[in-house]
Amino acid sequence: MKQDRWKLYLKVLWGAVIVLLVISSLLAGLFGGSNSFNAVLAGSLWVVMQLGILTLLFIIVVRLKEWIEDQIASTAGQKNAVAGAELQMLRQSIDRIETKVDRIEKVLDGISE
């Protein structure tokens, strides 16, 4: 869900910019003449280029963040797996010690009687 949210924000941003540029171009064409229309088109091109660059930078940062989070999760999963294996080895060792202690208790009970 969070990954789709930033895509939605970018779509809304681009849609708003395009709508505003179309409206300003229409108004400049209707009321300002060709010089004003050309100025609006040049300004629109500038805005679209800057927004395109910012969009690319935003996408790069978001993908880099996702990659780092995946790497951290993978490392944490590996550490958990290692800790689980060590815990299993300790449990097996404790079980073996308990069986030995039980045998020793049986032997001592036999000797004391």
N, C-alpha and C. Protein backbone atom coordinates (compact mmCIF):
# COMPACT_ATOMS: atom_id res chain seq x y z
N MET A 1 0.81 -1.19 0.00
CA MET A 1 0.00 0.00 0.00
C MET A 1 0.86 1.26 0.00
N LYS A 2 1.90 1.28 0.82
CA LYS A 2 2.76 2.46 0.88
C LYS A 2 3.50 2.67 -0.43
N GLN A 3 3.86 1.57 -1.08
CA GLN A 3 4.57 1.70 -2.35
C GLN A 3 3.68 2.31 -3.41
N ASP A 4 2.40 2.01 -3.36
CA ASP A 4 1.48 2.56 -4.34
C ASP A 4 1.13 4.01 -4.04
N ARG A 5 1.28 4.42 -2.79
CA ARG A 5 0.93 5.78 -2.40
C ARG A 5 1.83 6.80 -3.09
N TRP A 6 3.12 6.55 -3.15
CA TRP A 6 4.00 7.53 -3.78
C TRP A 6 3.76 7.61 -5.27
N LYS A 7 3.35 6.48 -5.89
CA LYS A 7 3.00 6.52 -7.31
C LYS A 7 1.75 7.37 -7.52
N LEU A 8 0.80 7.25 -6.61
CA LEU A 8 -0.42 8.06 -6.70
C LEU A 8 -0.10 9.54 -6.54
N TYR A 9 0.79 9.87 -5.60
CA TYR A 9 1.18 11.27 -5.42
C TYR A 9 1.83 11.83 -6.69
N LEU A 10 2.69 11.04 -7.32
CA LEU A 10 3.32 11.51 -8.55
C LEU A 10 2.30 11.71 -9.66
N LYS A 11 1.34 10.81 -9.78
CA LYS A 11 0.31 10.95 -10.80
C LYS A 11 -0.53 12.20 -10.56
N VAL A 12 -0.90 12.44 -9.31
CA VAL A 12 -1.68 13.63 -8.98
C VAL A 12 -0.88 14.89 -9.27
N LEU A 13 0.39 14.88 -8.90
CA LEU A 13 1.25 16.04 -9.15
C LEU A 13 1.36 16.33 -10.64
N TRP A 14 1.65 15.30 -11.42
CA TRP A 14 1.76 15.50 -12.87
C TRP A 14 0.43 15.94 -13.47
N GLY A 15 -0.66 15.36 -13.01
CA GLY A 15 -1.97 15.76 -13.52
C GLY A 15 -2.28 17.21 -13.21
N ALA A 16 -1.98 17.64 -11.98
CA ALA A 16 -2.22 19.04 -11.61
C ALA A 16 -1.37 19.99 -12.43
N VAL A 17 -0.11 19.64 -12.63
CA VAL A 17 0.78 20.50 -13.42
C VAL A 17 0.30 20.58 -14.86
N ILE A 18 -0.09 19.47 -15.43
CA ILE A 18 -0.55 19.48 -16.83
C ILE A 18 -1.83 20.30 -16.96
N VAL A 19 -2.76 20.13 -16.01
CA VAL A 19 -4.00 20.91 -16.07
C VAL A 19 -3.70 22.40 -15.95
N LEU A 20 -2.84 22.78 -15.02
CA LEU A 20 -2.50 24.19 -14.87
C LEU A 20 -1.79 24.74 -16.10
N LEU A 21 -0.94 23.94 -16.71
CA LEU A 21 -0.24 24.41 -17.91
C LEU A 21 -1.20 24.57 -19.08
N VAL A 22 -2.13 23.66 -19.21
CA VAL A 22 -3.12 23.77 -20.30
C VAL A 22 -3.99 25.00 -20.09
N ILE A 23 -4.45 25.21 -18.87
CA ILE A 23 -5.29 26.37 -18.58
C ILE A 23 -4.53 27.67 -18.84
N SER A 24 -3.28 27.74 -18.37
CA SER A 24 -2.50 28.97 -18.58
C SER A 24 -2.21 29.17 -20.06
N SER A 25 -1.97 28.10 -20.80
CA SER A 25 -1.73 28.24 -22.24
C SER A 25 -2.98 28.74 -22.95
N LEU A 26 -4.11 28.20 -22.57
CA LEU A 26 -5.37 28.65 -23.19
C LEU A 26 -5.65 30.11 -22.87
N LEU A 27 -5.45 30.49 -21.62
CA LEU A 27 -5.69 31.88 -21.24
C LEU A 27 -4.72 32.81 -21.94
N ALA A 28 -3.45 32.41 -22.04
CA ALA A 28 -2.46 33.25 -22.72
C ALA A 28 -2.78 33.35 -24.20
N GLY A 29 -3.24 32.28 -24.79
CA GLY A 29 -3.59 32.30 -26.21
C GLY A 29 -4.81 33.15 -26.49
N LEU A 30 -5.79 33.11 -25.58
CA LEU A 30 -7.02 33.87 -25.78
C LEU A 30 -6.84 35.36 -25.51
N PHE A 31 -6.12 35.68 -24.44
CA PHE A 31 -6.07 37.07 -24.01
C PHE A 31 -4.75 37.77 -24.28
N GLY A 32 -3.67 37.03 -24.48
CA GLY A 32 -2.37 37.67 -24.55
C GLY A 32 -1.77 37.79 -25.92
N GLY A 33 -2.20 37.03 -26.85
CA GLY A 33 -1.59 37.07 -28.17
C GLY A 33 -0.49 36.04 -28.29
N SER A 34 0.20 36.09 -29.44
CA SER A 34 1.21 35.05 -29.72
C SER A 34 2.45 35.19 -28.87
N ASN A 35 2.88 36.42 -28.53
CA ASN A 35 4.07 36.59 -27.69
C ASN A 35 3.84 36.02 -26.30
N SER A 36 2.69 36.29 -25.76
CA SER A 36 2.36 35.77 -24.44
C SER A 36 2.23 34.25 -24.49
N PHE A 37 1.64 33.74 -25.55
CA PHE A 37 1.48 32.29 -25.69
C PHE A 37 2.84 31.61 -25.79
N ASN A 38 3.76 32.19 -26.54
CA ASN A 38 5.12 31.63 -26.66
C ASN A 38 5.85 31.66 -25.32
N ALA A 39 5.64 32.73 -24.56
CA ALA A 39 6.29 32.82 -23.25
C ALA A 39 5.73 31.75 -22.31
N VAL A 40 4.43 31.54 -22.38
CA VAL A 40 3.82 30.50 -21.54
C VAL A 40 4.32 29.13 -21.94
N LEU A 41 4.45 28.88 -23.23
CA LEU A 41 4.97 27.59 -23.69
C LEU A 41 6.40 27.37 -23.23
N ALA A 42 7.22 28.43 -23.32
CA ALA A 42 8.62 28.30 -22.86
C ALA A 42 8.66 28.03 -21.36
N GLY A 43 7.82 28.75 -20.61
CA GLY A 43 7.77 28.53 -19.17
C GLY A 43 7.24 27.14 -18.85
N SER A 44 6.27 26.69 -19.63
CA SER A 44 5.72 25.35 -19.42
C SER A 44 6.77 24.29 -19.66
N LEU A 45 7.56 24.46 -20.71
CA LEU A 45 8.63 23.51 -20.99
C LEU A 45 9.62 23.46 -19.84
N TRP A 46 9.95 24.63 -19.30
CA TRP A 46 10.87 24.70 -18.17
C TRP A 46 10.30 23.95 -16.96
N VAL A 47 9.03 24.19 -16.66
CA VAL A 47 8.38 23.54 -15.52
C VAL A 47 8.34 22.03 -15.71
N VAL A 48 8.00 21.58 -16.89
CA VAL A 48 7.92 20.14 -17.16
C VAL A 48 9.30 19.49 -17.05
N MET A 49 10.32 20.16 -17.55
CA MET A 49 11.68 19.60 -17.44
C MET A 49 12.10 19.49 -15.98
N GLN A 50 11.86 20.53 -15.20
CA GLN A 50 12.24 20.50 -13.78
C GLN A 50 11.45 19.43 -13.02
N LEU A 51 10.16 19.35 -13.31
CA LEU A 51 9.33 18.34 -12.66
C LEU A 51 9.77 16.93 -13.06
N GLY A 52 10.16 16.75 -14.31
CA GLY A 52 10.67 15.46 -14.76
C GLY A 52 11.93 15.06 -14.03
N ILE A 53 12.84 16.02 -13.86
CA ILE A 53 14.09 15.74 -13.14
C ILE A 53 13.79 15.41 -11.68
N LEU A 54 12.92 16.18 -11.05
CA LEU A 54 12.57 15.91 -9.65
C LEU A 54 11.87 14.57 -9.51
N THR A 55 11.04 14.22 -10.48
CA THR A 55 10.35 12.92 -10.44
C THR A 55 11.36 11.78 -10.52
N LEU A 56 12.32 11.90 -11.43
CA LEU A 56 13.35 10.87 -11.54
C LEU A 56 14.17 10.75 -10.26
N LEU A 57 14.54 11.88 -9.67
CA LEU A 57 15.29 11.84 -8.42
C LEU A 57 14.45 11.20 -7.31
N PHE A 58 13.17 11.53 -7.27
CA PHE A 58 12.29 10.96 -6.26
C PHE A 58 12.18 9.45 -6.44
N ILE A 59 12.02 8.99 -7.66
CA ILE A 59 11.92 7.56 -7.92
C ILE A 59 13.21 6.85 -7.53
N ILE A 60 14.35 7.45 -7.85
CA ILE A 60 15.64 6.85 -7.48
C ILE A 60 15.76 6.74 -5.97
N VAL A 61 15.39 7.80 -5.25
CA VAL A 61 15.49 7.78 -3.78
C VAL A 61 14.56 6.73 -3.19
N VAL A 62 13.34 6.63 -3.69
CA VAL A 62 12.39 5.65 -3.17
C VAL A 62 12.88 4.23 -3.44
N ARG A 63 13.37 3.98 -4.65
CA ARG A 63 13.88 2.63 -4.96
C ARG A 63 15.10 2.29 -4.11
N LEU A 64 15.98 3.27 -3.89
CA LEU A 64 17.15 3.05 -3.04
C LEU A 64 16.72 2.74 -1.61
N LYS A 65 15.74 3.47 -1.11
CA LYS A 65 15.21 3.21 0.24
C LYS A 65 14.63 1.81 0.34
N GLU A 66 13.86 1.39 -0.66
CA GLU A 66 13.28 0.05 -0.66
C GLU A 66 14.37 -1.01 -0.70
N TRP A 67 15.42 -0.78 -1.49
CA TRP A 67 16.52 -1.74 -1.59
C TRP A 67 17.23 -1.86 -0.24
N ILE A 68 17.48 -0.72 0.40
CA ILE A 68 18.16 -0.75 1.71
C ILE A 68 17.30 -1.48 2.74
N GLU A 69 15.99 -1.22 2.73
CA GLU A 69 15.11 -1.92 3.66
C GLU A 69 15.12 -3.42 3.41
N ASP A 70 15.14 -3.84 2.16
CA ASP A 70 15.20 -5.27 1.83
C ASP A 70 16.51 -5.89 2.32
N GLN A 71 17.61 -5.16 2.15
CA GLN A 71 18.91 -5.66 2.60
C GLN A 71 18.93 -5.81 4.12
N ILE A 72 18.38 -4.84 4.81
CA ILE A 72 18.34 -4.89 6.28
C ILE A 72 17.46 -6.05 6.74
N ALA A 73 16.31 -6.23 6.09
CA ALA A 73 15.42 -7.35 6.45
C ALA A 73 16.09 -8.69 6.18
N SER A 74 16.82 -8.77 5.08
CA SER A 74 17.52 -10.01 4.75
C SER A 74 18.60 -10.31 5.78
N THR A 75 19.34 -9.28 6.16
CA THR A 75 20.39 -9.46 7.17
C THR A 75 19.78 -9.86 8.51
N ALA A 76 18.68 -9.23 8.87
CA ALA A 76 18.01 -9.57 10.13
C ALA A 76 17.49 -11.00 10.09
N GLY A 77 16.96 -11.42 8.93
CA GLY A 77 16.48 -12.79 8.79
C GLY A 77 17.60 -13.80 8.92
N GLN A 78 18.77 -13.48 8.36
CA GLN A 78 19.92 -14.37 8.47
C GLN A 78 20.37 -14.47 9.92
N LYS A 79 20.38 -13.33 10.62
CA LYS A 79 20.78 -13.34 12.03
C LYS A 79 19.80 -14.16 12.86
N ASN A 80 18.51 -14.02 12.55
CA ASN A 80 17.50 -14.80 13.27
C ASN A 80 17.67 -16.29 13.00
N ALA A 81 18.01 -16.64 11.77
CA ALA A 81 18.22 -18.04 11.44
C ALA A 81 19.42 -18.60 12.20
N VAL A 82 20.50 -17.82 12.26
CA VAL A 82 21.69 -18.26 13.00
C VAL A 82 21.37 -18.38 14.48
N ALA A 83 20.65 -17.40 15.02
CA ALA A 83 20.29 -17.46 16.44
C ALA A 83 19.38 -18.66 16.71
N GLY A 84 18.47 -18.95 15.80
CA GLY A 84 17.60 -20.11 15.96
C GLY A 84 18.38 -21.42 15.95
N ALA A 85 19.36 -21.51 15.07
CA ALA A 85 20.18 -22.72 15.00
C ALA A 85 20.99 -22.88 16.28
N GLU A 86 21.55 -21.77 16.77
CA GLU A 86 22.32 -21.85 18.01
C GLU A 86 21.42 -22.23 19.18
N LEU A 87 20.21 -21.70 19.20
CA LEU A 87 19.27 -22.04 20.27
C LEU A 87 18.90 -23.51 20.21
N GLN A 88 18.71 -24.04 19.02
CA GLN A 88 18.40 -25.47 18.86
C GLN A 88 19.55 -26.32 19.34
N MET A 89 20.79 -25.92 19.03
CA MET A 89 21.96 -26.67 19.50
C MET A 89 22.04 -26.65 21.03
N LEU A 90 21.73 -25.49 21.63
CA LEU A 90 21.76 -25.40 23.09
C LEU A 90 20.69 -26.29 23.71
N ARG A 91 19.51 -26.35 23.11
CA ARG A 91 18.45 -27.23 23.62
C ARG A 91 18.86 -28.69 23.55
N GLN A 92 19.48 -29.07 22.44
CA GLN A 92 19.95 -30.46 22.31
C GLN A 92 21.01 -30.76 23.36
N SER A 93 21.90 -29.81 23.58
CA SER A 93 22.94 -30.00 24.59
C SER A 93 22.34 -30.13 25.98
N ILE A 94 21.35 -29.31 26.28
CA ILE A 94 20.68 -29.39 27.59
C ILE A 94 19.96 -30.73 27.73
N ASP A 95 19.33 -31.21 26.68
CA ASP A 95 18.65 -32.51 26.73
C ASP A 95 19.65 -33.63 27.02
N ARG A 96 20.82 -33.57 26.35
CA ARG A 96 21.83 -34.60 26.61
C ARG A 96 22.33 -34.54 28.04
N ILE A 97 22.53 -33.33 28.56
CA ILE A 97 22.99 -33.18 29.95
C ILE A 97 21.92 -33.71 30.91
N GLU A 98 20.65 -33.43 30.62
CA GLU A 98 19.58 -33.92 31.48
C GLU A 98 19.53 -35.45 31.50
N THR A 99 19.72 -36.08 30.35
CA THR A 99 19.72 -37.55 30.34
C THR A 99 20.90 -38.10 31.14
N LYS A 100 22.04 -37.45 31.06
CA LYS A 100 23.19 -37.90 31.84
C LYS A 100 22.95 -37.72 33.33
N VAL A 101 22.34 -36.58 33.70
CA VAL A 101 22.03 -36.34 35.12
C VAL A 101 21.04 -37.38 35.61
N ASP A 102 20.04 -37.72 34.79
CA ASP A 102 19.07 -38.76 35.18
C ASP A 102 19.76 -40.09 35.41
N ARG A 103 20.70 -40.44 34.52
CA ARG A 103 21.43 -41.70 34.71
C ARG A 103 22.27 -41.68 35.98
N ILE A 104 22.89 -40.54 36.24
CA ILE A 104 23.70 -40.42 37.46
C ILE A 104 22.82 -40.55 38.70
N GLU A 105 21.62 -39.93 38.67
CA GLU A 105 20.70 -40.04 39.80
C GLU A 105 20.28 -41.49 40.03
N LYS A 106 20.03 -42.23 38.95
CA LYS A 106 19.64 -43.64 39.08
C LYS A 106 20.77 -44.44 39.72
N VAL A 107 21.99 -44.17 39.26
CA VAL A 107 23.14 -44.89 39.81
C VAL A 107 23.29 -44.56 41.29
N LEU A 108 23.16 -43.30 41.66
CA LEU A 108 23.31 -42.91 43.07
C LEU A 108 22.19 -43.47 43.92
N ASP A 109 20.97 -43.52 43.37
CA ASP A 109 19.87 -44.13 44.12
C ASP A 109 20.16 -45.62 44.37
N GLY A 110 20.75 -46.29 43.39
CA GLY A 110 21.09 -47.71 43.54
C GLY A 110 22.16 -47.92 44.56
N ILE A 111 23.11 -47.03 44.65
CA ILE A 111 24.21 -47.16 45.60
C ILE A 111 23.72 -46.89 47.04
N SER A 112 22.88 -45.92 47.23
CA SER A 112 22.44 -45.56 48.58
C SER A 112 21.52 -46.62 49.19
N GLU A 113 20.88 -47.43 48.41
CA GLU A 113 20.00 -48.45 48.96
C GLU A 113 20.80 -49.62 49.32
